[in-house]
Amino acid sequence: TTASSVGAFADYYFASGADNPLLPYLGVFAGYSHVHDDSASVGAQGGVKYFFNPSIALNVEANYRAARHSSGTSNLILGFSTFFR
């Protein structure tokens, strides 16, 4: 099954201290999804970022997305984040 979504998300980052490279977060998602048909979708995510330096982080995230005509999907995402400061 192929699924796609477009939308906006907001994450809340928990302070971890200046010398701690881990930055945990929780967030929400709202948007438009296509799973079996097109519909609005909502979701939640949580994860942690591990900063190698102030501009590059390894990101591990678990998220859940629910659309009107689907039972919802859960994902585990592993990736890198780049920050421009």
Protein backbone atom coordinates (compact mmCIF):
# COMPACT_ATOMS: atom_id res chain seq x y z
CA THR A 1 0.00 0.00 0.00
CA THR A 2 1.28 3.44 -0.90
CA ALA A 3 0.35 6.38 1.31
CA SER A 4 1.17 10.07 1.10
CA SER A 5 0.33 13.13 3.16
CA VAL A 6 0.79 16.88 3.04
CA GLY A 7 0.19 19.10 6.03
CA ALA A 8 1.63 21.00 8.93
CA PHE A 9 3.07 19.84 12.22
CA ALA A 10 4.03 21.44 15.50
CA ASP A 11 6.58 19.94 17.89
CA TYR A 12 7.27 20.77 21.54
CA TYR A 13 10.91 20.26 22.50
CA PHE A 14 11.78 19.41 26.10
CA ALA A 15 14.82 21.30 27.40
CA SER A 16 17.72 18.93 27.96
CA GLY A 17 20.50 21.25 29.14
CA ALA A 18 23.30 22.95 27.24
CA ASP A 19 25.78 20.06 27.53
CA ASN A 20 23.25 17.28 26.72
CA PRO A 21 23.15 16.34 22.99
CA LEU A 22 19.69 14.67 23.29
CA LEU A 23 16.56 16.71 22.54
CA PRO A 24 13.25 14.82 23.06
CA TYR A 25 9.97 16.12 21.58
CA LEU A 26 6.23 15.49 21.17
CA GLY A 27 4.04 16.90 18.42
CA VAL A 28 0.82 16.93 16.41
CA PHE A 29 0.02 16.79 12.68
CA ALA A 30 -2.94 17.94 10.59
CA GLY A 31 -3.22 17.71 6.84
CA TYR A 32 -4.44 15.92 3.75
CA SER A 33 -3.70 12.24 3.10
CA HIS A 34 -4.07 9.73 0.33
CA VAL A 35 -4.19 6.08 1.44
CA HIS A 36 -7.10 4.38 -0.35
CA ASP A 37 -8.88 7.65 -1.12
CA ASP A 38 -8.29 11.33 -0.35
CA SER A 39 -9.27 12.73 3.04
CA ALA A 40 -8.23 14.93 5.93
CA SER A 41 -5.83 13.39 8.41
CA VAL A 42 -4.55 14.02 11.92
CA GLY A 43 -1.75 12.48 13.91
CA ALA A 44 0.78 12.60 16.68
CA GLN A 45 4.53 12.08 16.83
CA GLY A 46 7.26 11.78 19.38
CA GLY A 47 10.96 11.27 19.18
CA VAL A 48 14.44 12.36 20.05
CA LYS A 49 17.19 14.20 18.20
CA TYR A 50 20.85 13.49 18.93
CA PHE A 51 23.05 16.47 17.99
CA PHE A 52 26.50 15.68 16.60
CA ASN A 53 27.16 19.43 16.45
CA PRO A 54 24.88 22.51 16.58
CA SER A 55 23.84 22.06 12.92
CA ILE A 56 23.42 18.27 12.40
CA ALA A 57 21.28 15.80 14.34
CA LEU A 58 20.25 12.16 14.05
CA ASN A 59 16.46 11.92 14.38
CA VAL A 60 14.43 8.91 15.61
CA GLU A 61 10.66 9.39 15.53
CA ALA A 62 7.54 7.28 16.02
CA ASN A 63 4.34 8.69 14.55
CA TYR A 64 0.69 7.80 13.99
CA ARG A 65 -1.56 9.18 11.24
CA ALA A 66 -5.33 8.63 11.02
CA ALA A 67 -7.52 9.48 8.03
CA ARG A 68 -11.30 9.36 7.77
CA HIS A 69 -11.52 6.13 5.74
CA SER A 70 -8.54 4.22 7.12
CA SER A 71 -7.62 2.45 10.32
CA GLY A 72 -4.51 4.63 10.71
CA THR A 73 -0.82 4.00 10.20
CA SER A 74 2.14 3.87 12.58
CA ASN A 75 5.67 4.59 11.41
CA LEU A 76 9.16 4.55 12.83
CA ILE A 77 11.43 7.06 11.11
CA LEU A 78 15.22 7.29 11.25
CA GLY A 79 16.91 10.23 9.57
CA PHE A 80 19.13 13.29 9.78
CA SER A 81 18.14 16.90 10.40
CA THR A 82 20.11 19.95 9.29
CA PHE A 83 19.69 23.33 10.98
CA PHE A 84 20.77 26.64 9.48
CA ARG A 85 21.71 29.19 12.12
